Amino acid sequence: MATLRIAMAPGDGIGAEIMSATLELFRAAGVMEQVEFVPVEMGRSVFETGNTRGMTDEAIRTTEECGVLFKGPMETPKGSGGKSINVTARKMWNAFANLRHFMALPGVETVYTRAGIPVNFYIVRENIEDTYGGVEHRLSNDMIQCKRLISAPGSDQVSRFAFQTARRLGLKHVHCGHKANIMKMTDGLFLDRFRFAAKDFPEIQTADVIIDALCMNLVVKPQQYQMIVLPNLQGDIVSDLAAGLVGGLGFAPSANIGRHISIFEAVHGTAPDIVGRGIANPTALILSGLMMLRHIGLTGPAATVQNALFAALESGARTGDFGDAGKPALGTRDFAKAIMDRLGEKPRTVPASVGDGERPTFKKPERPAHQQVIRTFTNVVTHPVGCDVYLDTPLSPIAVADEMMRACEDTPFRLTLISNRGTQVWPTGSIYTECVDYYRVRFEMREGFRAGDFGQSRCIALLDKIAEKFTVCSYELLRVFDGVRGYSLAQGQ
């Protein structure tokens, strides 16, 4: 009798076909003797009922009871309606680390395999924060904003996971990819927390690399990397670039790891043009499933299936989207059968050690009593020192400055900066800087005032005066944290 339940969502499009083939393979490898896959409703059919989460209440309940979700590709409503179910699931269940392994597979020819260049590295992507909060607002006729949110606890979680995984896998080098040269506070924090976590793993060498250089390096010399840790958006883009190095998303497994719930999925598309034809490639879902089996402790069956998959690929088994065109293309089920026929064999290339993990060791963590607040920095002394006020106005910078100087008369603040699209346009700037109808206006303490002399209420009072004549889109309190400025300068300031 199976000892562990796993929630299973087949997915949309080709999802049902590749999931069926994958589970059939797992059954042949003896996985079902230890695991029960419990079907749950997620995806397009749920969106079409008007449910904007894309998953039923029962699916949510079952996944939370199981602690592990195995899912096929899912369709995201375009333009309006629900948001990406993949992003929703990761964020709702706090699956904070996305782990992907990019490895050149036998029988999958790329420019790198033809050149004899080894490709074998991991990407760990922060999965919760960054622009994936989807916090967007229209601020004026011509300006729309998307907020980028990076937290110290979120950065700590993903960095520690990366180093723990690197240690478990025996990796010796971990890089942090970032854009801290431009986003000095958000990416700067991510990089600082990476370096802080690295102190507990002295046997692992670390380095950091700016994201644009990283993309070039991966194309030119991918063998120099073993593991790369990245913020969410950058990690998403680089993951797809990395998939291209090994043949495409059809060969890229994906795991989303959280403290309580983890998700293993195929991240390629739903391929509506080939649905029902039985020709879809199940390799990515099989590889994701192998990551799942190892996660729950079934390292033996995982190695057996991986060896059989590699042996089948070495023999020339292929679906129509890859491989030697001189050999017949197999349908989805026949491709899975070619793997099943080689269960027990070892490939010539990269055989996996079978080990002794024949029973699940996964123990679902205890359900939290309430939502947890995670913190890194505590007992920090903070004081307001001013505010940034964001205005919707078609006035020129000089006209805005005149109005703002009048507004801050007889207050603790002086006008110190006006910027437009992040570039300073007052008190200095270039006549060639074109402006849109959205300004940041910065007020800072006048001489004679010190941090701690007043609280936020004085900033709110100033904001109230400005709002009598202008549309205030948003407002940010400027503060110092243990005496360190907690806000950035403008371009050109």
Protein backbone atom coordinates (compact mmCIF):
# COMPACT_ATOMS: atom_id res chain seq x y z
CA MET A 1 0.00 0.00 0.00
CA ALA A 2 1.29 3.48 -0.93
CA THR A 3 2.72 5.39 2.04
CA LEU A 4 2.76 8.93 0.62
CA ARG A 5 0.13 11.00 -1.18
CA ILE A 6 1.14 13.54 -3.85
CA ALA A 7 -1.30 16.00 -5.45
CA MET A 8 -1.25 15.69 -9.23
CA ALA A 9 -2.58 18.19 -11.80
CA PRO A 10 -2.22 16.91 -15.39
CA GLY A 11 -2.21 20.40 -16.91
CA ASP A 12 -3.66 21.90 -20.06
CA GLY A 13 -3.04 21.15 -23.73
CA ILE A 14 -0.56 18.28 -23.99
CA GLY A 15 -0.41 18.09 -20.18
CA ALA A 16 -2.72 15.09 -19.87
CA GLU A 17 -0.74 13.15 -22.51
CA ILE A 18 2.71 13.68 -21.04
CA MET A 19 1.48 13.22 -17.46
CA SER A 20 -0.14 9.89 -18.36
CA ALA A 21 3.08 8.67 -20.00
CA THR A 22 5.19 9.83 -17.06
CA LEU A 23 3.00 8.11 -14.47
CA GLU A 24 3.00 4.93 -16.55
CA LEU A 25 6.79 4.99 -16.50
CA PHE A 26 6.83 5.59 -12.75
CA ARG A 27 4.43 2.70 -12.25
CA ALA A 28 6.75 0.39 -14.19
CA ALA A 29 9.63 1.52 -11.96
CA GLY A 30 7.69 0.61 -8.80
CA VAL A 31 7.01 4.16 -7.66
CA MET A 32 3.29 3.52 -7.18
CA GLU A 33 4.09 0.94 -4.54
CA GLN A 34 5.21 3.84 -2.36
CA VAL A 35 3.27 6.83 -3.69
CA GLU A 36 -0.39 7.60 -4.45
CA PHE A 37 -0.96 10.42 -6.96
CA VAL A 38 -4.18 12.27 -6.07
CA PRO A 39 -5.74 14.15 -9.04
CA VAL A 40 -6.62 17.82 -8.40
CA GLU A 41 -8.40 20.37 -10.62
CA MET A 42 -6.23 23.23 -11.82
CA GLY A 43 -5.81 25.17 -15.03
CA ARG A 44 -7.91 26.30 -17.95
CA SER A 45 -11.11 24.43 -17.07
CA VAL A 46 -11.14 26.09 -13.64
CA PHE A 47 -10.41 29.56 -15.08
CA GLU A 48 -13.35 29.09 -17.46
CA THR A 49 -15.74 28.76 -14.50
CA GLY A 50 -14.78 32.30 -13.46
CA ASN A 51 -12.36 31.17 -10.76
CA THR A 52 -9.47 33.65 -11.18
CA ARG A 53 -7.08 31.55 -9.08
CA GLY A 54 -7.30 28.73 -11.59
CA MET A 55 -7.57 26.07 -8.89
CA THR A 56 -10.54 24.73 -6.95
CA ASP A 57 -10.83 24.95 -3.18
CA GLU A 58 -10.55 21.16 -3.04
CA ALA A 59 -7.33 21.28 -5.09
CA ILE A 60 -5.87 23.80 -2.66
CA ARG A 61 -6.91 21.73 0.34
CA THR A 62 -5.52 18.49 -1.12
CA THR A 63 -2.19 20.08 -2.08
CA GLU A 64 -1.79 21.55 1.39
CA GLU A 65 -2.58 18.18 2.95
CA CYS A 66 -0.03 16.41 0.73
CA GLY A 67 2.77 18.97 0.85
CA VAL A 68 3.89 18.06 -2.70
CA LEU A 69 2.30 18.94 -6.06
CA PHE A 70 3.25 17.35 -9.41
CA LYS A 71 1.86 19.35 -12.31
CA GLY A 72 1.91 19.54 -16.08
CA PRO A 73 2.04 22.75 -18.15
CA MET A 74 -0.80 25.18 -17.51
CA GLU A 75 -2.34 27.86 -19.68
CA THR A 76 -2.37 31.44 -18.41
CA PRO A 77 -5.31 33.69 -19.35
CA LYS A 78 -4.03 36.40 -21.68
CA GLY A 79 -4.70 40.09 -21.15
CA SER A 80 -7.42 39.85 -18.53
CA GLY A 81 -8.93 37.44 -16.05
CA GLY A 82 -6.81 35.30 -13.76
CA LYS A 83 -3.09 35.61 -13.31
CA SER A 84 -0.56 32.87 -14.05
CA ILE A 85 -1.48 29.79 -12.04
CA ASN A 86 2.21 28.90 -11.88
CA VAL A 87 3.07 32.20 -10.19
CA THR A 88 -0.04 32.07 -7.98
CA ALA A 89 0.80 28.57 -6.72
CA ARG A 90 4.42 29.42 -5.99
CA LYS A 91 3.54 32.59 -4.13
CA MET A 92 0.48 31.29 -2.28
CA TRP A 93 2.39 28.31 -0.91
CA ASN A 94 5.66 30.21 -0.50
CA ALA A 95 7.68 27.90 -2.72
CA PHE A 96 10.48 30.43 -2.47
CA ALA A 97 13.22 28.69 -4.47
CA ASN A 98 13.00 27.56 -8.08
CA LEU A 99 15.64 24.93 -8.84
CA ARG A 100 16.42 23.92 -12.41
CA HIS A 101 19.14 21.61 -13.68
CA PHE A 102 20.47 22.24 -17.16
CA MET A 103 22.40 19.28 -18.49
CA ALA A 104 23.32 18.19 -21.99
CA LEU A 105 21.42 14.94 -22.61
CA PRO A 106 22.59 12.08 -24.83
CA GLY A 107 20.82 12.09 -28.17
CA VAL A 108 19.86 15.77 -27.87
CA GLU A 109 22.17 17.57 -30.25
CA THR A 110 23.04 21.24 -29.71
CA VAL A 111 25.82 23.53 -30.88
CA TYR A 112 27.57 22.75 -27.58
CA THR A 113 27.40 18.96 -27.88
CA ARG A 114 28.70 19.23 -31.45
CA ALA A 115 31.60 21.35 -30.19
CA GLY A 116 32.27 19.01 -27.26
CA ILE A 117 31.53 21.72 -24.70
CA PRO A 118 30.05 20.30 -21.47
CA VAL A 119 26.89 21.97 -20.16
CA ASN A 120 25.87 20.95 -16.65
CA PHE A 121 24.79 23.58 -14.12
CA TYR A 122 21.96 24.61 -11.81
CA ILE A 123 20.00 27.83 -11.54
CA VAL A 124 18.36 28.80 -8.26
CA ARG A 125 15.81 31.56 -8.79
CA GLU A 126 14.09 33.51 -6.04
CA ASN A 127 10.45 32.69 -6.60
CA ILE A 128 8.22 35.01 -4.55
CA GLU A 129 9.31 38.62 -4.82
CA ASP A 130 10.64 41.08 -7.40
CA THR A 131 8.20 42.27 -10.09
CA TYR A 132 6.26 38.99 -9.78
CA GLY A 133 4.15 40.55 -7.06
CA GLY A 134 2.32 42.01 -10.05
CA VAL A 135 1.78 45.28 -8.14
CA GLU A 136 1.01 47.71 -10.96
CA HIS A 137 -0.78 51.05 -11.16
CA ARG A 138 -1.61 53.60 -13.82
CA LEU A 139 -0.22 56.80 -12.36
CA SER A 140 -1.03 59.38 -15.02
CA ASN A 141 -2.24 59.55 -18.61
CA ASP A 142 1.17 58.42 -19.84
CA MET A 143 2.81 56.54 -16.96
CA ILE A 144 2.32 53.03 -15.56
CA GLN A 145 4.28 51.63 -12.64
CA CYS A 146 5.29 48.10 -11.62
CA LYS A 147 6.75 47.80 -8.12
CA ARG A 148 9.88 45.72 -7.57
CA LEU A 149 10.00 44.29 -4.07
CA ILE A 150 13.10 42.58 -2.64
CA SER A 151 13.23 41.61 1.05
CA ALA A 152 16.11 40.53 3.27
CA PRO A 153 14.28 37.41 4.59
CA GLY A 154 13.31 36.36 1.05
CA SER A 155 16.90 36.81 -0.12
CA ASP A 156 18.16 34.87 2.90
CA GLN A 157 15.83 31.95 2.20
CA VAL A 158 16.86 31.48 -1.42
CA SER A 159 20.59 31.97 -0.77
CA ARG A 160 20.66 29.46 2.07
CA PHE A 161 18.70 26.97 -0.02
CA ALA A 162 21.22 27.39 -2.85
CA PHE A 163 24.22 26.77 -0.62
CA GLN A 164 22.56 23.82 1.13
CA THR A 165 21.73 22.29 -2.25
CA ALA A 166 25.24 22.93 -3.57
CA ARG A 167 26.71 21.21 -0.51
CA ARG A 168 24.38 18.21 -0.93
CA LEU A 169 25.28 17.92 -4.63
CA GLY A 170 29.00 18.34 -4.00
CA LEU A 171 29.27 21.56 -6.02
CA LYS A 172 32.30 23.73 -5.34
CA HIS A 173 31.34 27.05 -6.99
CA VAL A 174 28.21 29.21 -6.61
CA HIS A 175 27.70 32.53 -8.42
CA CYS A 176 25.21 35.30 -7.65
CA GLY A 177 23.76 37.01 -10.73
CA HIS A 178 22.49 40.55 -10.22
CA LYS A 179 22.21 44.13 -11.49
CA ALA A 180 23.45 45.80 -8.32
CA ASN A 181 25.48 48.28 -10.34
CA ILE A 182 22.19 49.96 -11.32
CA MET A 183 19.63 48.79 -8.74
CA LYS A 184 21.96 49.43 -5.85
CA MET A 185 19.40 48.95 -3.09
CA THR A 186 17.22 46.04 -4.31
CA ASP A 187 19.81 43.95 -6.12
CA GLY A 188 22.37 45.31 -3.68
CA LEU A 189 20.42 43.76 -0.81
CA PHE A 190 20.09 40.45 -2.69
CA LEU A 191 23.86 40.35 -3.24
CA ASP A 192 24.64 41.35 0.36
CA ARG A 193 22.46 38.53 1.73
CA PHE A 194 24.08 36.05 -0.68
CA ARG A 195 27.48 37.03 0.69
CA PHE A 196 26.23 36.80 4.26
CA ALA A 197 24.84 33.27 3.72
CA ALA A 198 28.10 32.19 2.07
CA LYS A 199 29.95 32.63 5.38
CA ASP A 200 28.34 29.43 6.68
CA PHE A 201 29.60 27.39 3.71
CA PRO A 202 33.36 28.04 3.66
CA GLU A 203 34.08 25.01 1.47
CA ILE A 204 32.13 26.58 -1.43
CA GLN A 205 33.78 29.25 -3.55
CA THR A 206 31.57 32.23 -4.45
CA ALA A 207 31.59 35.01 -7.01
CA ASP A 208 29.11 37.51 -8.37
CA VAL A 209 28.39 38.49 -11.96
CA ILE A 210 26.31 41.28 -13.47
CA ILE A 211 23.31 39.84 -15.29
CA ASP A 212 24.13 41.08 -18.79
CA ALA A 213 27.68 39.71 -18.55
CA LEU A 214 26.25 36.46 -17.21
CA CYS A 215 24.02 36.03 -20.25
CA MET A 216 26.98 36.55 -22.55
CA ASN A 217 29.16 34.17 -20.53
CA LEU A 218 26.54 31.43 -20.58
CA VAL A 219 26.43 31.54 -24.36
CA VAL A 220 30.20 31.80 -24.81
CA LYS A 221 31.49 29.53 -22.03
CA PRO A 222 28.73 27.79 -20.06
CA GLN A 223 31.12 25.25 -18.54
CA GLN A 224 32.47 27.89 -16.12
CA TYR A 225 29.30 27.73 -14.02
CA GLN A 226 28.06 25.10 -11.56
CA MET A 227 25.25 27.00 -9.81
CA ILE A 228 23.87 30.52 -10.23
CA VAL A 229 21.53 32.26 -7.75
CA LEU A 230 19.32 35.03 -9.16
CA PRO A 231 16.42 37.36 -8.27
CA ASN A 232 13.04 36.37 -9.69
CA LEU A 233 12.72 38.19 -13.02
CA GLN A 234 16.37 37.83 -13.95
CA GLY A 235 16.23 34.17 -12.92
CA ASP A 236 13.20 33.58 -15.13
CA ILE A 237 14.90 35.04 -18.19
CA VAL A 238 18.24 33.32 -17.59
CA SER A 239 16.50 29.99 -16.98
CA ASP A 240 14.98 30.10 -20.45
CA LEU A 241 18.33 31.12 -21.93
CA ALA A 242 19.91 28.15 -20.16
CA ALA A 243 17.21 25.83 -21.50
CA GLY A 244 18.24 26.91 -24.98
CA LEU A 245 21.77 25.67 -24.30
CA VAL A 246 20.54 22.09 -23.73
CA GLY A 247 17.93 21.89 -26.48
CA GLY A 248 14.94 23.86 -25.17
CA LEU A 249 12.34 23.86 -22.41
CA GLY A 250 11.40 20.31 -23.39
CA PHE A 251 14.57 19.15 -21.62
CA ALA A 252 14.54 21.45 -18.58
CA PRO A 253 13.12 20.16 -15.27
CA SER A 254 11.81 22.52 -12.62
CA ALA A 255 11.27 22.29 -8.87
CA ASN A 256 9.74 24.97 -6.64
CA ILE A 257 10.80 24.37 -3.06
CA GLY A 258 9.16 25.80 0.06
CA ARG A 259 9.32 25.08 3.77
CA HIS A 260 5.90 23.43 3.75
CA ILE A 261 4.87 22.79 0.14
CA SER A 262 6.93 22.05 -2.97
CA ILE A 263 5.86 21.98 -6.62
CA PHE A 264 7.45 19.98 -9.45
CA GLU A 265 6.38 20.93 -12.94
CA ALA A 266 7.07 21.10 -16.64
CA VAL A 267 7.56 24.76 -17.51
CA HIS A 268 7.23 24.50 -21.28
CA GLY A 269 4.05 25.51 -23.09
CA THR A 270 0.80 23.62 -23.52
CA ALA A 271 1.43 23.16 -27.30
CA PRO A 272 -2.23 23.47 -28.41
CA ASP A 273 -1.23 22.79 -32.02
CA ILE A 274 -0.37 19.14 -31.28
CA VAL A 275 -2.94 18.31 -28.58
CA GLY A 276 -4.48 14.87 -29.07
CA ARG A 277 -1.93 13.73 -31.64
CA GLY A 278 0.08 11.71 -29.14
CA ILE A 279 3.43 13.12 -30.27
CA ALA A 280 4.38 15.41 -27.35
CA ASN A 281 7.79 15.07 -25.71
CA PRO A 282 7.45 14.08 -22.01
CA THR A 283 11.14 14.44 -21.15
CA ALA A 284 10.89 17.68 -19.13
CA LEU A 285 8.03 16.33 -17.02
CA ILE A 286 9.89 13.04 -16.47
CA LEU A 287 13.00 14.94 -15.35
CA SER A 288 10.89 17.14 -13.05
CA GLY A 289 9.34 13.99 -11.65
CA LEU A 290 12.80 12.62 -10.93
CA MET A 291 13.59 15.76 -8.93
CA MET A 292 10.36 15.13 -7.03
CA LEU A 293 11.23 11.48 -6.32
CA ARG A 294 14.60 12.54 -4.92
CA HIS A 295 12.89 15.24 -2.86
CA ILE A 296 10.68 12.68 -1.14
CA GLY A 297 13.54 10.22 -0.64
CA LEU A 298 12.93 7.76 -3.49
CA THR A 299 16.48 8.12 -4.76
CA GLY A 300 16.64 4.48 -5.90
CA PRO A 301 13.67 4.58 -8.32
CA ALA A 302 14.76 8.06 -9.47
CA ALA A 303 18.21 6.78 -10.43
CA THR A 304 16.71 3.71 -12.11
CA VAL A 305 14.38 5.83 -14.27
CA GLN A 306 17.11 8.36 -15.06
CA ASN A 307 19.48 5.60 -16.18
CA ALA A 308 16.76 4.09 -18.35
CA LEU A 309 15.94 7.50 -19.87
CA PHE A 310 19.59 8.15 -20.72
CA ALA A 311 20.00 4.63 -22.11
CA ALA A 312 16.93 5.12 -24.31
CA LEU A 313 18.27 8.48 -25.54
CA GLU A 314 21.64 6.88 -26.30
CA SER A 315 19.87 4.22 -28.37
CA GLY A 316 18.31 6.94 -30.53
CA ALA A 317 14.81 6.91 -29.02
CA ARG A 318 13.24 10.27 -29.75
CA THR A 319 10.05 12.21 -30.27
CA GLY A 320 9.65 14.30 -33.39
CA ASP A 321 11.05 17.51 -31.89
CA PHE A 322 14.64 16.29 -31.47
CA GLY A 323 17.18 13.62 -32.29
CA ASP A 324 18.52 11.90 -35.38
CA ALA A 325 16.08 12.52 -38.23
CA GLY A 326 17.30 9.28 -39.77
CA LYS A 327 15.60 7.34 -36.97
CA PRO A 328 11.82 7.07 -36.64
CA ALA A 329 10.09 9.54 -34.32
CA LEU A 330 8.15 7.89 -31.52
CA GLY A 331 4.84 9.04 -30.09
CA THR A 332 4.54 10.02 -26.45
CA ARG A 333 3.57 6.57 -25.16
CA ASP A 334 6.06 4.69 -27.34
CA PHE A 335 8.83 7.00 -26.16
CA ALA A 336 7.88 6.24 -22.54
CA LYS A 337 7.79 2.50 -23.41
CA ALA A 338 11.30 2.74 -24.87
CA ILE A 339 12.42 4.01 -21.46
CA MET A 340 10.47 1.31 -19.63
CA ASP A 341 12.11 -1.36 -21.77
CA ARG A 342 15.49 -0.21 -20.44
CA LEU A 343 14.66 -0.12 -16.73
CA GLY A 344 17.59 -1.77 -14.99
CA GLU A 345 20.10 -0.73 -17.66
CA LYS A 346 22.89 1.78 -17.17
CA PRO A 347 23.78 4.35 -19.83
CA ARG A 348 27.30 4.84 -21.15
CA THR A 349 27.10 8.55 -20.38
CA VAL A 350 26.55 9.93 -16.87
CA PRO A 351 25.09 6.88 -15.10
CA ALA A 352 23.23 7.79 -11.91
CA SER A 353 24.16 6.03 -8.71
CA VAL A 354 21.14 3.97 -7.68
CA GLY A 355 21.68 4.25 -3.93
CA ASP A 356 19.37 2.77 -1.34
CA GLY A 357 16.44 5.20 -1.20
CA GLU A 358 13.61 2.75 -1.79
CA ARG A 359 11.05 4.19 0.63
CA PRO A 360 9.85 7.78 1.08
CA THR A 361 11.58 9.77 3.77
CA PHE A 362 9.54 12.94 3.20
CA LYS A 363 7.66 14.11 6.27
CA LYS A 364 5.22 16.93 5.67
CA PRO A 365 6.03 19.81 8.05
CA GLU A 366 3.38 20.67 10.60
CA ARG A 367 0.72 23.04 9.29
CA PRO A 368 1.36 26.56 10.63
CA ALA A 369 -1.28 27.95 12.97
CA HIS A 370 -1.29 31.29 11.15
CA GLN A 371 0.61 33.22 8.51
CA GLN A 372 4.22 33.69 9.56
CA VAL A 373 6.08 36.99 9.54
CA ILE A 374 9.73 36.37 8.62
CA ARG A 375 12.35 38.95 9.58
CA THR A 376 16.07 39.46 9.17
CA PHE A 377 16.89 42.86 10.69
CA THR A 378 15.46 43.70 14.11
CA ASN A 379 16.08 46.49 16.63
CA VAL A 380 16.98 48.93 13.85
CA VAL A 381 16.66 52.61 14.79
CA THR A 382 14.81 54.53 12.08
CA HIS A 383 13.92 58.20 11.72
CA PRO A 384 12.01 60.13 9.03
CA VAL A 385 14.13 62.73 7.23
CA GLY A 386 11.79 63.75 4.41
CA CYS A 387 9.54 62.38 1.72
CA ASP A 388 9.22 61.75 -2.00
CA VAL A 389 5.90 62.89 -3.45
CA TYR A 390 4.85 61.63 -6.89
CA LEU A 391 2.71 63.99 -8.95
CA ASP A 392 0.53 63.68 -12.05
CA THR A 393 1.00 67.02 -13.78
CA PRO A 394 1.80 68.33 -17.28
CA LEU A 395 3.71 71.34 -15.89
CA SER A 396 7.34 71.98 -16.71
CA PRO A 397 10.01 71.16 -14.08
CA ILE A 398 10.53 74.86 -13.33
CA ALA A 399 6.79 75.40 -12.82
CA VAL A 400 6.58 72.35 -10.57
CA ALA A 401 9.54 73.63 -8.54
CA ASP A 402 7.90 77.03 -8.02
CA GLU A 403 4.71 75.40 -6.72
CA MET A 404 6.57 72.94 -4.47
CA MET A 405 8.75 75.64 -2.90
CA ARG A 406 5.62 77.55 -1.99
CA ALA A 407 4.09 74.38 -0.52
CA CYS A 408 7.03 73.68 1.79
CA GLU A 409 7.32 77.21 3.18
CA ASP A 410 7.01 77.24 6.97
CA THR A 411 7.65 73.47 7.17
CA PRO A 412 10.73 71.53 8.36
CA PHE A 413 11.42 70.63 4.72
CA ARG A 414 13.14 72.12 1.71
CA LEU A 415 12.77 71.07 -1.91
CA THR A 416 15.96 69.25 -2.93
CA LEU A 417 15.14 67.34 -6.10
CA ILE A 418 12.68 66.90 -8.94
CA SER A 419 13.17 63.91 -11.21
CA ASN A 420 11.31 62.52 -14.19
CA ARG A 421 11.55 58.84 -15.11
CA GLY A 422 14.38 58.62 -12.56
CA THR A 423 16.48 61.43 -14.03
CA GLN A 424 17.10 64.71 -12.20
CA VAL A 425 15.50 67.69 -13.93
CA TRP A 426 15.74 70.22 -11.06
CA PRO A 427 17.68 72.02 -9.58
CA THR A 428 20.06 71.00 -12.36
CA GLY A 429 19.53 68.96 -15.49
CA SER A 430 19.82 68.97 -19.22
CA ILE A 431 17.54 70.87 -21.58
CA TYR A 432 17.58 67.68 -23.68
CA THR A 433 15.90 65.53 -21.00
CA GLU A 434 12.35 64.95 -22.21
CA CYS A 435 9.74 64.76 -19.46
CA VAL A 436 6.43 62.94 -19.13
CA ASP A 437 3.48 63.89 -16.94
CA TYR A 438 4.76 62.15 -13.82
CA TYR A 439 7.31 63.68 -11.42
CA ARG A 440 9.08 62.66 -8.25
CA VAL A 441 9.46 65.62 -5.90
CA ARG A 442 11.85 65.18 -2.98
CA PHE A 443 11.69 67.12 0.28
CA GLU A 444 14.44 66.80 2.87
CA MET A 445 15.08 68.41 6.27
CA ARG A 446 16.09 72.04 6.42
CA GLU A 447 19.26 73.06 8.19
CA GLY A 448 18.71 73.21 11.92
CA PHE A 449 16.66 70.01 12.02
CA ARG A 450 18.05 66.57 12.87
CA ALA A 451 16.83 63.03 12.30
CA GLY A 452 14.43 62.26 15.13
CA ASP A 453 13.22 65.83 15.59
CA PHE A 454 9.82 64.98 14.09
CA GLY A 455 7.77 61.99 12.98
CA GLN A 456 5.84 61.01 9.89
CA SER A 457 2.95 63.34 10.70
CA ARG A 458 4.92 66.38 9.49
CA CYS A 459 5.41 64.66 6.12
CA ILE A 460 1.69 63.87 5.95
CA ALA A 461 0.86 67.50 6.70
CA LEU A 462 3.06 68.58 3.77
CA LEU A 463 1.42 66.00 1.56
CA ASP A 464 -1.98 67.39 2.51
CA LYS A 465 -0.94 70.89 1.42
CA ILE A 466 0.33 69.64 -1.94
CA ALA A 467 -2.82 67.58 -2.53
CA GLU A 468 -4.92 70.77 -2.39
CA LYS A 469 -3.52 71.75 -5.81
CA PHE A 470 -2.03 68.59 -7.35
CA THR A 471 -2.97 64.98 -7.95
CA VAL A 472 -0.67 62.99 -5.68
CA CYS A 473 -0.17 59.52 -7.19
CA SER A 474 1.89 58.10 -4.36
CA TYR A 475 4.20 59.00 -1.52
CA GLU A 476 7.32 57.44 -0.03
CA LEU A 477 8.66 58.27 3.40
CA LEU A 478 12.41 58.93 3.40
CA ARG A 479 14.13 57.41 6.41
CA VAL A 480 17.55 56.65 7.79
CA PHE A 481 18.14 53.16 9.22
CA ASP A 482 20.79 53.13 11.96
CA GLY A 483 21.99 56.38 10.43
CA VAL A 484 22.24 55.00 6.87
CA ARG A 485 20.17 56.59 4.08
CA GLY A 486 17.33 54.27 3.07
CA TYR A 487 16.65 55.80 -0.35
CA SER A 488 18.51 56.17 -3.63
CA LEU A 489 19.74 59.23 -5.45
CA ALA A 490 18.37 60.20 -8.86
CA GLN A 491 20.30 59.74 -12.10
CA GLY A 492 22.42 62.85 -12.46
CA GLN A 493 22.05 63.91 -8.82
